Amino acid sequence: MSETNYIKVGKLIATRGLKGEVLMKHGLERKLVKKQVECIFVETSSNTFLPYFVKHLTAKSPGEAYLQLEGVDTIEAARLLLKKEAWLTEEAFKSLRNKKAIISFLGYQVSNNGVLLGEVVEVIRQPMQVLCKIMMEGKEVYIPLHEDTLKSVDNNKEMLNVSLPDGLLDIYLDK
């Protein structure tokens, strides 16, 4: 049996009404509809994901949606989910993502001037730039993506080609 991979797509950030509806902020950069999202997952402990089936979904914007989840029918139950990260299966993520969205870089390989560095395991959007987290030599390394560093994107090969400043990787790798 193959192991299910989960992709972090957002966070449950607010409640709405008295019947347990929650607002999910997500990075899929598209308005979601109910038939697209059958289930979200919440990480209850390290690498343990609890499924919540979606009874009703209303898109608020391309980055937010109101969800009514099965078994969450009071404001008190909804509050227990606040500040929890929302995850999708890798299969659901790939079918839902906007291919032009920054979050679609998850799983891409990063190459620095032709040298393969690693796979993007997290995408972090900041006000002035985007950071891609990769793992190198067992350590977290954050690759900035902006006009000075991102040289090209090959969607067919799922590759980000960057040119990083000298010494940036050394900071993370203690060299």
C-alpha atoms as a PDB file:
ATOM      1  CA  MET A   1       0.000   0.000   0.000  1.00  0.00           C
ATOM      2  CA  SER A   2       1.438   3.388  -0.968  1.00  0.00           C
ATOM      3  CA  GLU A   3       1.827   6.159   1.560  1.00  0.00           C
ATOM      4  CA  THR A   4      -0.361   9.240   1.104  1.00  0.00           C
ATOM      5  CA  ASN A   5       1.503  12.513   0.737  1.00  0.00           C
ATOM      6  CA  TYR A   6      -0.082  15.666   2.086  1.00  0.00           C
ATOM      7  CA  ILE A   7       0.488  19.232   0.906  1.00  0.00           C
ATOM      8  CA  LYS A   8      -0.045  22.218   3.205  1.00  0.00           C
ATOM      9  CA  VAL A   9      -2.335  24.627   1.357  1.00  0.00           C
ATOM     10  CA  GLY A  10      -3.485  27.055   4.016  1.00  0.00           C
ATOM     11  CA  LYS A  11      -4.795  27.734   7.478  1.00  0.00           C
ATOM     12  CA  LEU A  12      -8.144  27.879   9.250  1.00  0.00           C
ATOM     13  CA  ILE A  13      -8.240  31.475  10.432  1.00  0.00           C
ATOM     14  CA  ALA A  14     -11.742  32.441  11.595  1.00  0.00           C
ATOM     15  CA  THR A  15     -15.233  31.251  12.388  1.00  0.00           C
ATOM     16  CA  ARG A  16     -18.442  32.519  10.835  1.00  0.00           C
ATOM     17  CA  GLY A  17     -21.902  32.217  12.324  1.00  0.00           C
ATOM     18  CA  LEU A  18     -23.033  29.898  15.071  1.00  0.00           C
ATOM     19  CA  LYS A  19     -23.161  26.625  13.109  1.00  0.00           C
ATOM     20  CA  GLY A  20     -19.413  25.937  12.963  1.00  0.00           C
ATOM     21  CA  GLU A  21     -18.406  27.430   9.633  1.00  0.00           C
ATOM     22  CA  VAL A  22     -14.674  28.197   9.321  1.00  0.00           C
ATOM     23  CA  LEU A  23     -12.728  30.490   7.014  1.00  0.00           C
ATOM     24  CA  MET A  24      -9.768  28.849   5.297  1.00  0.00           C
ATOM     25  CA  LYS A  25      -7.043  31.079   3.851  1.00  0.00           C
ATOM     26  CA  HIS A  26      -5.247  29.150   1.101  1.00  0.00           C
ATOM     27  CA  GLY A  27      -2.536  29.595  -1.502  1.00  0.00           C
ATOM     28  CA  LEU A  28      -4.252  27.827  -4.399  1.00  0.00           C
ATOM     29  CA  GLU A  29      -5.017  31.226  -5.969  1.00  0.00           C
ATOM     30  CA  ARG A  30      -8.376  30.214  -7.381  1.00  0.00           C
ATOM     31  CA  LYS A  31     -11.973  30.352  -6.216  1.00  0.00           C
ATOM     32  CA  LEU A  32     -12.890  26.948  -4.881  1.00  0.00           C
ATOM     33  CA  VAL A  33     -16.227  25.193  -5.304  1.00  0.00           C
ATOM     34  CA  LYS A  34     -17.669  22.317  -3.265  1.00  0.00           C
ATOM     35  CA  LYS A  35     -17.311  19.649  -5.952  1.00  0.00           C
ATOM     36  CA  GLN A  36     -13.556  20.349  -6.115  1.00  0.00           C
ATOM     37  CA  VAL A  37     -12.852  19.921  -2.392  1.00  0.00           C
ATOM     38  CA  GLU A  38     -14.293  16.798  -0.807  1.00  0.00           C
ATOM     39  CA  CYS A  39     -12.020  16.715   2.218  1.00  0.00           C
ATOM     40  CA  ILE A  40      -9.346  18.715   4.005  1.00  0.00           C
ATOM     41  CA  PHE A  41      -6.903  17.343   6.531  1.00  0.00           C
ATOM     42  CA  VAL A  42      -5.727  18.830   9.823  1.00  0.00           C
ATOM     43  CA  GLU A  43      -2.426  17.696  11.336  1.00  0.00           C
ATOM     44  CA  THR A  44      -3.287  16.567  14.854  1.00  0.00           C
ATOM     45  CA  SER A  45       0.216  15.464  15.809  1.00  0.00           C
ATOM     46  CA  SER A  46       3.473  15.015  13.957  1.00  0.00           C
ATOM     47  CA  ASN A  47       2.625  13.416  10.610  1.00  0.00           C
ATOM     48  CA  THR A  48      -0.888  12.369  11.718  1.00  0.00           C
ATOM     49  CA  PHE A  49      -3.633  13.886   9.590  1.00  0.00           C
ATOM     50  CA  LEU A  50      -7.308  13.885  10.544  1.00  0.00           C
ATOM     51  CA  PRO A  51      -9.766  14.145   7.632  1.00  0.00           C
ATOM     52  CA  TYR A  52     -12.657  16.611   7.700  1.00  0.00           C
ATOM     53  CA  PHE A  53     -15.235  16.103   4.970  1.00  0.00           C
ATOM     54  CA  VAL A  54     -16.631  19.259   3.419  1.00  0.00           C
ATOM     55  CA  LYS A  55     -20.427  19.561   3.649  1.00  0.00           C
ATOM     56  CA  HIS A  56     -20.588  23.032   2.144  1.00  0.00           C
ATOM     57  CA  LEU A  57     -18.065  25.454   0.663  1.00  0.00           C
ATOM     58  CA  THR A  58     -18.445  29.098  -0.344  1.00  0.00           C
ATOM     59  CA  ALA A  59     -15.587  30.926  -2.038  1.00  0.00           C
ATOM     60  CA  LYS A  60     -14.929  34.332  -0.496  1.00  0.00           C
ATOM     61  CA  SER A  61     -12.030  35.221  -2.841  1.00  0.00           C
ATOM     62  CA  PRO A  62      -9.362  33.400  -4.881  1.00  0.00           C
ATOM     63  CA  GLY A  63      -7.453  32.903  -1.607  1.00  0.00           C
ATOM     64  CA  GLU A  64     -10.209  32.281   0.943  1.00  0.00           C
ATOM     65  CA  ALA A  65     -13.199  29.974   1.345  1.00  0.00           C
ATOM     66  CA  TYR A  66     -15.838  29.362   3.998  1.00  0.00           C
ATOM     67  CA  LEU A  67     -16.148  25.674   4.882  1.00  0.00           C
ATOM     68  CA  GLN A  68     -18.851  23.771   6.709  1.00  0.00           C
ATOM     69  CA  LEU A  69     -17.188  20.539   7.832  1.00  0.00           C
ATOM     70  CA  GLU A  70     -18.906  17.312   8.853  1.00  0.00           C
ATOM     71  CA  GLY A  71     -18.925  16.936  12.633  1.00  0.00           C
ATOM     72  CA  VAL A  72     -18.215  20.649  13.179  1.00  0.00           C
ATOM     73  CA  ASP A  73     -21.639  22.133  13.813  1.00  0.00           C
ATOM     74  CA  THR A  74     -21.110  24.617  16.633  1.00  0.00           C
ATOM     75  CA  ILE A  75     -18.994  27.714  16.988  1.00  0.00           C
ATOM     76  CA  GLU A  76     -17.185  26.016  19.891  1.00  0.00           C
ATOM     77  CA  ALA A  77     -16.202  23.052  17.683  1.00  0.00           C
ATOM     78  CA  ALA A  78     -15.061  25.440  14.951  1.00  0.00           C
ATOM     79  CA  ARG A  79     -12.911  27.438  17.381  1.00  0.00           C
ATOM     80  CA  LEU A  80     -10.944  24.266  18.181  1.00  0.00           C
ATOM     81  CA  LEU A  81      -9.768  24.232  14.554  1.00  0.00           C
ATOM     82  CA  LEU A  82      -8.623  27.851  14.434  1.00  0.00           C
ATOM     83  CA  LYS A  83      -4.954  28.466  13.655  1.00  0.00           C
ATOM     84  CA  LYS A  84      -4.635  24.876  12.406  1.00  0.00           C
ATOM     85  CA  GLU A  85      -3.027  24.313   9.041  1.00  0.00           C
ATOM     86  CA  ALA A  86      -5.142  22.864   6.242  1.00  0.00           C
ATOM     87  CA  TRP A  87      -3.712  20.096   4.082  1.00  0.00           C
ATOM     88  CA  LEU A  88      -4.808  18.266   0.936  1.00  0.00           C
ATOM     89  CA  THR A  89      -3.669  14.975  -0.489  1.00  0.00           C
ATOM     90  CA  GLU A  90      -1.032  15.437  -3.169  1.00  0.00           C
ATOM     91  CA  GLU A  91      -3.520  14.195  -5.781  1.00  0.00           C
ATOM     92  CA  ALA A  92      -6.201  16.699  -4.712  1.00  0.00           C
ATOM     93  CA  PHE A  93      -3.611  19.499  -4.568  1.00  0.00           C
ATOM     94  CA  LYS A  94      -2.416  18.838  -8.122  1.00  0.00           C
ATOM     95  CA  SER A  95      -5.980  18.884  -9.451  1.00  0.00           C
ATOM     96  CA  LEU A  96      -6.886  22.120  -7.596  1.00  0.00           C
ATOM     97  CA  ARG A  97      -3.830  24.326  -7.855  1.00  0.00           C
ATOM     98  CA  ASN A  98      -3.661  27.224 -10.225  1.00  0.00           C
ATOM     99  CA  LYS A  99      -0.619  26.308 -12.303  1.00  0.00           C
ATOM    100  CA  LYS A 100       0.477  29.954 -12.259  1.00  0.00           C
ATOM    101  CA  ALA A 101       0.231  30.175  -8.468  1.00  0.00           C
ATOM    102  CA  ILE A 102       3.410  30.304  -6.410  1.00  0.00           C
ATOM    103  CA  ILE A 103       2.218  27.292  -4.376  1.00  0.00           C
ATOM    104  CA  SER A 104       2.457  25.191  -7.544  1.00  0.00           C
ATOM    105  CA  PHE A 105       6.272  25.212  -7.056  1.00  0.00           C
ATOM    106  CA  LEU A 106       5.854  22.578  -4.317  1.00  0.00           C
ATOM    107  CA  GLY A 107       7.686  19.470  -5.455  1.00  0.00           C
ATOM    108  CA  TYR A 108       9.779  21.331  -8.049  1.00  0.00           C
ATOM    109  CA  GLN A 109      13.538  20.826  -8.063  1.00  0.00           C
ATOM    110  CA  VAL A 110      15.786  23.871  -7.491  1.00  0.00           C
ATOM    111  CA  SER A 111      18.955  24.302  -9.522  1.00  0.00           C
ATOM    112  CA  ASN A 112      21.517  27.010  -8.667  1.00  0.00           C
ATOM    113  CA  ASN A 113      23.570  27.886 -11.763  1.00  0.00           C
ATOM    114  CA  GLY A 114      23.209  24.283 -12.995  1.00  0.00           C
ATOM    115  CA  VAL A 115      23.854  22.588  -9.613  1.00  0.00           C
ATOM    116  CA  LEU A 116      20.846  20.641  -8.295  1.00  0.00           C
ATOM    117  CA  LEU A 117      20.059  21.728  -4.719  1.00  0.00           C
ATOM    118  CA  GLY A 118      16.885  19.880  -3.769  1.00  0.00           C
ATOM    119  CA  GLU A 119      13.103  19.717  -3.866  1.00  0.00           C
ATOM    120  CA  VAL A 120      10.791  22.535  -2.752  1.00  0.00           C
ATOM    121  CA  VAL A 121       9.021  21.273   0.387  1.00  0.00           C
ATOM    122  CA  GLU A 122       7.350  24.548   1.396  1.00  0.00           C
ATOM    123  CA  VAL A 123       6.536  27.873  -0.231  1.00  0.00           C
ATOM    124  CA  ILE A 124       6.451  30.934   2.033  1.00  0.00           C
ATOM    125  CA  ARG A 125       4.955  34.154   0.706  1.00  0.00           C
ATOM    126  CA  GLN A 126       6.357  37.295   2.325  1.00  0.00           C
ATOM    127  CA  PRO A 127       5.501  40.922   1.504  1.00  0.00           C
ATOM    128  CA  MET A 128       8.587  41.588  -0.639  1.00  0.00           C
ATOM    129  CA  GLN A 129       9.539  38.090  -1.836  1.00  0.00           C
ATOM    130  CA  VAL A 130       8.747  34.411  -1.900  1.00  0.00           C
ATOM    131  CA  LEU A 131      10.906  31.845  -0.111  1.00  0.00           C
ATOM    132  CA  CYS A 132      11.134  28.198  -1.097  1.00  0.00           C
ATOM    133  CA  LYS A 133      12.211  25.821   1.652  1.00  0.00           C
ATOM    134  CA  ILE A 134      14.355  22.895   0.573  1.00  0.00           C
ATOM    135  CA  MET A 135      16.291  20.337   2.597  1.00  0.00           C
ATOM    136  CA  MET A 136      20.058  20.096   2.045  1.00  0.00           C
ATOM    137  CA  GLU A 137      22.387  17.902   4.090  1.00  0.00           C
ATOM    138  CA  GLY A 138      19.540  17.424   6.595  1.00  0.00           C
ATOM    139  CA  LYS A 139      19.118  21.186   7.120  1.00  0.00           C
ATOM    140  CA  GLU A 140      16.400  23.631   6.131  1.00  0.00           C
ATOM    141  CA  VAL A 141      17.542  26.045   3.432  1.00  0.00           C
ATOM    142  CA  TYR A 142      15.445  29.004   2.299  1.00  0.00           C
ATOM    143  CA  ILE A 143      15.814  30.067  -1.320  1.00  0.00           C
ATOM    144  CA  PRO A 144      14.560  33.596  -2.098  1.00  0.00           C
ATOM    145  CA  LEU A 145      12.614  33.946  -5.339  1.00  0.00           C
ATOM    146  CA  HIS A 146      12.536  37.423  -6.804  1.00  0.00           C
ATOM    147  CA  GLU A 147      13.663  39.128 -10.007  1.00  0.00           C
ATOM    148  CA  ASP A 148      17.351  38.990  -9.012  1.00  0.00           C
ATOM    149  CA  THR A 149      17.473  35.278  -8.146  1.00  0.00           C
ATOM    150  CA  LEU A 150      14.837  33.469 -10.225  1.00  0.00           C
ATOM    151  CA  LYS A 151      16.264  32.973 -13.702  1.00  0.00           C
ATOM    152  CA  SER A 152      13.685  30.592 -15.200  1.00  0.00           C
ATOM    153  CA  VAL A 153      10.858  28.173 -14.468  1.00  0.00           C
ATOM    154  CA  ASP A 154      10.511  24.943 -16.445  1.00  0.00           C
ATOM    155  CA  ASN A 155       6.993  23.677 -15.722  1.00  0.00           C
ATOM    156  CA  ASN A 156       7.465  20.579 -17.897  1.00  0.00           C
ATOM    157  CA  LYS A 157      10.523  19.430 -15.915  1.00  0.00           C
ATOM    158  CA  GLU A 158       9.196  20.973 -12.659  1.00  0.00           C
ATOM    159  CA  MET A 159      12.459  22.889 -12.229  1.00  0.00           C
ATOM    160  CA  LEU A 160      13.283  26.316 -10.789  1.00  0.00           C
ATOM    161  CA  ASN A 161      16.561  27.718 -12.072  1.00  0.00           C
ATOM    162  CA  VAL A 162      18.073  30.282  -9.722  1.00  0.00           C
ATOM    163  CA  SER A 163      21.285  32.248  -9.353  1.00  0.00           C
ATOM    164  CA  LEU A 164      21.975  32.731  -5.650  1.00  0.00           C
ATOM    165  CA  PRO A 165      24.366  35.248  -4.118  1.00  0.00           C
ATOM    166  CA  ASP A 166      27.759  33.843  -3.121  1.00  0.00           C
ATOM    167  CA  GLY A 167      27.737  32.566   0.458  1.00  0.00           C
ATOM    168  CA  LEU A 168      23.945  32.284   0.861  1.00  0.00           C
ATOM    169  CA  LEU A 169      23.969  28.484   1.076  1.00  0.00           C
ATOM    170  CA  ASP A 170      26.971  28.589   3.422  1.00  0.00           C
ATOM    171  CA  ILE A 171      24.857  30.431   6.010  1.00  0.00           C
ATOM    172  CA  TYR A 172      22.520  27.449   6.254  1.00  0.00           C
ATOM    173  CA  LEU A 173      25.110  24.701   5.875  1.00  0.00           C
ATOM    174  CA  ASP A 174      27.704  26.075   8.354  1.00  0.00           C
ATOM    175  CA  LYS A 175      30.517  26.131   5.806  1.00  0.00           C
END
